[in-house]
Amino acid sequence: MNFTGLVPHVVEALCGQGIGDRRDRAQVTGVWCAGALPRGCAAVLQRTHRLRLARFPVHPLAKRLRDDHRHLLRVLAVLEAQLEALGRAEDVDFDLMLDAMTYITEFPNRLHHPVEDVLFEQLADRDASAATVCREQIAEHERLFHDSAAFYGLLEAIQMDEATLTREQLVTDGRAFIEAQRAHLAREEAKLLPMAEQALDTAEWDRAALTAGEVDDPLDATSRPARYEALYRALSRLPA
């Protein structure tokens, strides 16, 4: 089979557009066409990774934002497990679901989204091609906050027998809520944060970091409020 036509796409995928120099691309092209891609690419990928880090060093804030995303995804998994149990007509822990929703509602709105808003506004100003997706993501922060608060209120009303929603509708609404949250985080991980790392300089990252202040994520080991104790236990039972 002739793979020659795939060479440019493989080169770009391995080296990253604008990252590797001509020697990187020539080397990848050579090992691909020679049929030695797996072995030859190891050194190329290592070199390309070093080039990427040298040109776009990782700011501590980028790691913090990705850690926030990881925590949010794990809390969403706890909520999802309870919703799936509810869908099977099993007993569920509404207090745990409310704890998860408290975190999902309060933490991003107070500590996470304000930082991203500053970061994405700077990215929109720096890169016109990113402006639309950046401003859509910022607007979605507000929508997600209202959606989170509404779903929290719904769970609370059901727990107090003040809602007429069926179990099936609650599960459907919960799944849609979780999917929207995950799609939002995936867009930031796959597109916006990498774009920000390439386009913004250290001073711009520092400016966004000032918005974060010194307040820690309540799921960090050094700052665990007692109110989240049940949530900590549920998180500890999730696969690593």
Protein backbone atom coordinates (compact mmCIF):
# COMPACT_ATOMS: atom_id res chain seq x y z
CA MET A 1 0.00 0.00 0.00
CA ASN A 2 1.32 3.48 -0.88
CA PHE A 3 1.23 5.88 2.06
CA THR A 4 3.10 8.69 0.31
CA GLY A 5 0.07 10.95 0.20
CA LEU A 6 -0.26 10.78 3.97
CA VAL A 7 3.26 12.04 4.61
CA PRO A 8 2.43 15.77 5.00
CA HIS A 9 -0.40 15.00 7.42
CA VAL A 10 1.72 12.65 9.51
CA VAL A 11 4.56 15.17 9.59
CA GLU A 12 2.25 17.90 10.85
CA ALA A 13 0.61 15.61 13.40
CA LEU A 14 3.95 14.54 14.81
CA CYS A 15 5.83 17.81 14.68
CA GLY A 16 2.98 20.21 15.31
CA GLN A 17 2.29 23.13 13.02
CA GLY A 18 4.82 25.88 13.58
CA ILE A 19 6.78 23.87 16.15
CA GLY A 20 9.29 21.58 14.46
CA ASP A 21 11.89 23.04 12.12
CA ARG A 22 12.70 21.81 8.61
CA ARG A 23 15.08 19.19 9.94
CA ASP A 24 12.30 17.69 12.09
CA ARG A 25 9.96 17.47 9.13
CA ALA A 26 12.61 16.04 6.84
CA GLN A 27 13.53 13.40 9.41
CA VAL A 28 9.94 12.31 9.99
CA THR A 29 9.31 12.20 6.24
CA GLY A 30 12.41 10.10 5.73
CA VAL A 31 11.65 7.52 8.41
CA TRP A 32 8.01 7.29 7.26
CA CYS A 33 8.91 6.64 3.65
CA ALA A 34 11.65 4.22 4.67
CA GLY A 35 9.13 2.20 6.65
CA ALA A 36 10.93 2.83 9.95
CA LEU A 37 8.40 5.21 11.48
CA PRO A 38 7.95 3.64 14.94
CA ARG A 39 11.66 3.51 15.73
CA GLY A 40 12.73 6.70 14.01
CA CYS A 41 9.93 8.84 15.39
CA ALA A 42 10.82 8.28 19.03
CA ALA A 43 13.85 10.56 18.81
CA VAL A 44 11.99 13.03 16.61
CA LEU A 45 9.07 13.24 19.02
CA GLN A 46 11.43 13.76 21.95
CA ARG A 47 13.21 16.52 20.07
CA THR A 48 9.91 18.08 19.00
CA HIS A 49 8.62 17.99 22.59
CA ARG A 50 11.77 19.79 23.74
CA LEU A 51 11.31 22.37 21.00
CA ARG A 52 7.69 22.89 22.04
CA LEU A 53 8.61 23.39 25.68
CA ALA A 54 11.47 25.71 24.78
CA ARG A 55 9.27 27.85 22.57
CA PHE A 56 6.11 27.65 24.68
CA PRO A 57 7.14 26.95 28.29
CA VAL A 58 4.28 25.71 30.44
CA HIS A 59 3.06 28.41 32.82
CA PRO A 60 2.05 27.22 36.31
CA LEU A 61 -1.44 28.57 35.66
CA ALA A 62 -1.87 26.17 32.72
CA LYS A 63 -1.21 23.24 35.02
CA ARG A 64 -3.60 24.65 37.60
CA LEU A 65 -6.39 25.02 35.05
CA ARG A 66 -5.88 21.47 33.82
CA ASP A 67 -5.91 20.19 37.40
CA ASP A 68 -9.19 22.05 37.90
CA HIS A 69 -10.61 20.33 34.83
CA ARG A 70 -9.51 16.94 36.11
CA HIS A 71 -11.22 17.57 39.45
CA LEU A 72 -14.41 18.74 37.76
CA LEU A 73 -14.50 15.65 35.56
CA ARG A 74 -14.14 13.39 38.58
CA VAL A 75 -16.94 15.17 40.43
CA LEU A 76 -19.11 14.85 37.33
CA ALA A 77 -18.35 11.11 37.37
CA VAL A 78 -19.63 10.90 40.96
CA LEU A 79 -22.82 12.69 39.95
CA GLU A 80 -23.20 10.48 36.89
CA ALA A 81 -22.88 7.30 38.96
CA GLN A 82 -25.73 8.45 41.19
CA LEU A 83 -27.89 9.35 38.20
CA GLU A 84 -27.26 5.96 36.60
CA ALA A 85 -28.27 4.27 39.85
CA LEU A 86 -31.41 6.39 39.89
CA GLY A 87 -32.15 5.30 36.33
CA ARG A 88 -32.00 1.68 37.52
CA ALA A 89 -34.50 2.52 40.30
CA GLU A 90 -31.82 1.95 42.95
CA ASP A 91 -31.39 3.95 46.13
CA VAL A 92 -29.31 7.08 45.64
CA ASP A 93 -27.58 9.53 47.95
CA PHE A 94 -29.20 12.90 47.29
CA ASP A 95 -26.93 14.57 49.84
CA LEU A 96 -23.92 13.38 47.84
CA MET A 97 -25.49 14.61 44.62
CA LEU A 98 -26.09 18.00 46.22
CA ASP A 99 -22.49 18.11 47.47
CA ALA A 100 -21.27 17.38 43.95
CA MET A 101 -23.52 20.09 42.54
CA THR A 102 -22.37 22.58 45.17
CA TYR A 103 -18.80 22.05 44.01
CA ILE A 104 -19.72 22.14 40.30
CA THR A 105 -21.72 25.35 40.83
CA GLU A 106 -19.54 27.31 43.24
CA PHE A 107 -15.94 26.43 42.44
CA PRO A 108 -15.89 27.21 38.70
CA ASN A 109 -17.92 30.39 39.11
CA ARG A 110 -15.80 31.80 41.96
CA LEU A 111 -12.30 30.58 41.18
CA HIS A 112 -11.95 28.93 37.79
CA HIS A 113 -14.01 30.71 35.16
CA PRO A 114 -12.88 34.26 36.11
CA VAL A 115 -9.29 33.21 35.39
CA GLU A 116 -10.23 31.66 32.07
CA ASP A 117 -12.27 34.73 31.14
CA VAL A 118 -9.17 36.94 31.46
CA LEU A 119 -7.04 34.39 29.63
CA PHE A 120 -9.48 33.93 26.75
CA GLU A 121 -10.10 37.67 26.37
CA GLN A 122 -6.36 38.15 25.94
CA LEU A 123 -6.23 35.30 23.46
CA ALA A 124 -9.11 36.82 21.47
CA ASP A 125 -7.27 40.14 21.34
CA ARG A 126 -4.01 38.50 20.31
CA ASP A 127 -5.35 36.01 17.73
CA ALA A 128 -8.28 37.12 15.58
CA SER A 129 -8.89 33.55 14.42
CA ALA A 130 -9.56 32.57 18.04
CA ALA A 131 -11.84 35.48 18.90
CA THR A 132 -15.16 33.80 18.15
CA VAL A 133 -14.52 30.56 20.02
CA CYS A 134 -12.99 32.47 22.95
CA ARG A 135 -15.99 34.74 23.38
CA GLU A 136 -18.40 31.84 22.93
CA GLN A 137 -16.57 29.99 25.69
CA ILE A 138 -16.71 33.00 27.99
CA ALA A 139 -20.45 33.36 27.38
CA GLU A 140 -20.89 29.66 28.07
CA HIS A 141 -19.35 30.12 31.52
CA GLU A 142 -22.34 32.22 32.48
CA ARG A 143 -24.80 29.72 30.99
CA LEU A 144 -23.16 26.80 32.77
CA PHE A 145 -23.38 28.62 36.09
CA HIS A 146 -27.12 29.19 35.66
CA ASP A 147 -27.63 25.61 34.46
CA SER A 148 -25.73 24.30 37.48
CA ALA A 149 -27.73 26.43 39.90
CA ALA A 150 -30.99 25.30 38.27
CA PHE A 151 -30.07 21.61 38.44
CA TYR A 152 -29.01 22.02 42.08
CA GLY A 153 -32.39 23.58 42.84
CA LEU A 154 -34.15 20.73 41.07
CA LEU A 155 -32.31 18.09 43.11
CA GLU A 156 -33.04 19.98 46.31
CA ALA A 157 -36.75 20.23 45.45
CA ILE A 158 -36.92 16.50 44.72
CA GLN A 159 -35.19 15.66 47.99
CA MET A 160 -37.79 17.76 49.82
CA ASP A 161 -40.68 16.22 47.83
CA GLU A 162 -41.47 19.59 46.30
CA ALA A 163 -40.94 18.65 42.64
CA THR A 164 -43.24 16.82 40.26
CA LEU A 165 -40.50 15.72 37.87
CA THR A 166 -40.37 12.01 37.10
CA ARG A 167 -37.28 9.94 37.83
CA GLU A 168 -36.78 9.34 34.11
CA GLN A 169 -36.89 13.06 33.32
CA LEU A 170 -34.43 13.84 36.12
CA VAL A 171 -31.99 11.27 34.73
CA THR A 172 -32.40 12.65 31.20
CA ASP A 173 -31.86 16.23 32.37
CA GLY A 174 -28.87 15.17 34.47
CA ARG A 175 -27.21 13.38 31.58
CA ALA A 176 -27.67 16.42 29.34
CA PHE A 177 -26.19 18.65 32.04
CA ILE A 178 -23.13 16.39 32.45
CA GLU A 179 -22.63 16.15 28.68
CA ALA A 180 -22.66 19.95 28.35
CA GLN A 181 -20.10 20.29 31.14
CA ARG A 182 -17.81 17.68 29.59
CA ALA A 183 -18.06 19.20 26.12
CA HIS A 184 -17.11 22.59 27.55
CA LEU A 185 -14.05 21.19 29.32
CA ALA A 186 -13.02 19.15 26.28
CA ARG A 187 -13.08 22.27 24.10
CA GLU A 188 -10.75 24.04 26.49
CA GLU A 189 -8.39 21.10 26.80
CA ALA A 190 -8.21 20.31 23.09
CA LYS A 191 -8.29 23.78 21.61
CA LEU A 192 -8.26 26.87 23.81
CA LEU A 193 -5.51 26.09 26.31
CA PRO A 194 -3.08 24.89 23.60
CA MET A 195 -3.85 28.05 21.60
CA ALA A 196 -3.26 30.21 24.67
CA GLU A 197 0.04 28.45 25.38
CA GLN A 198 1.23 29.23 21.87
CA ALA A 199 -0.11 32.78 21.52
CA LEU A 200 0.24 34.40 24.95
CA ASP A 201 3.44 35.50 26.62
CA THR A 202 4.41 35.06 30.26
CA ALA A 203 3.15 38.52 31.23
CA GLU A 204 -0.30 37.73 29.87
CA TRP A 205 -0.41 34.42 31.75
CA ASP A 206 0.73 36.26 34.88
CA ARG A 207 -2.09 38.77 34.43
CA ALA A 208 -4.65 35.98 34.30
CA ALA A 209 -3.04 34.27 37.29
CA LEU A 210 -3.62 37.39 39.40
CA THR A 211 -7.35 36.74 39.06
CA ALA A 212 -6.91 33.35 40.73
CA GLY A 213 -5.55 34.84 43.94
CA GLU A 214 -4.47 32.53 46.73
CA VAL A 215 -7.71 30.58 47.16
CA ASP A 216 -7.24 26.85 46.61
CA ASP A 217 -9.48 24.33 44.96
CA PRO A 218 -11.42 22.74 47.85
CA LEU A 219 -10.52 19.31 46.48
CA ASP A 220 -6.79 19.92 46.90
CA ALA A 221 -5.26 17.81 49.65
CA THR A 222 -4.14 20.88 51.60
CA SER A 223 -7.57 22.51 51.85
CA ARG A 224 -10.45 20.12 52.36
CA PRO A 225 -13.53 21.67 53.98
CA ALA A 226 -15.52 19.27 56.15
CA ARG A 227 -18.63 19.98 54.06
CA TYR A 228 -17.15 17.89 51.24
CA GLU A 229 -16.19 14.86 53.33
CA ALA A 230 -18.76 12.56 51.69
CA LEU A 231 -17.67 13.79 48.27
CA TYR A 232 -14.01 13.05 49.11
CA ARG A 233 -14.94 9.49 50.01
CA ALA A 234 -16.90 9.03 46.80
CA LEU A 235 -14.02 10.41 44.76
CA SER A 236 -11.57 8.07 46.46
CA ARG A 237 -13.60 5.11 45.22
CA LEU A 238 -13.33 6.18 41.58
CA PRO A 239 -10.67 4.57 39.37
CA ALA A 240 -7.47 6.60 39.37
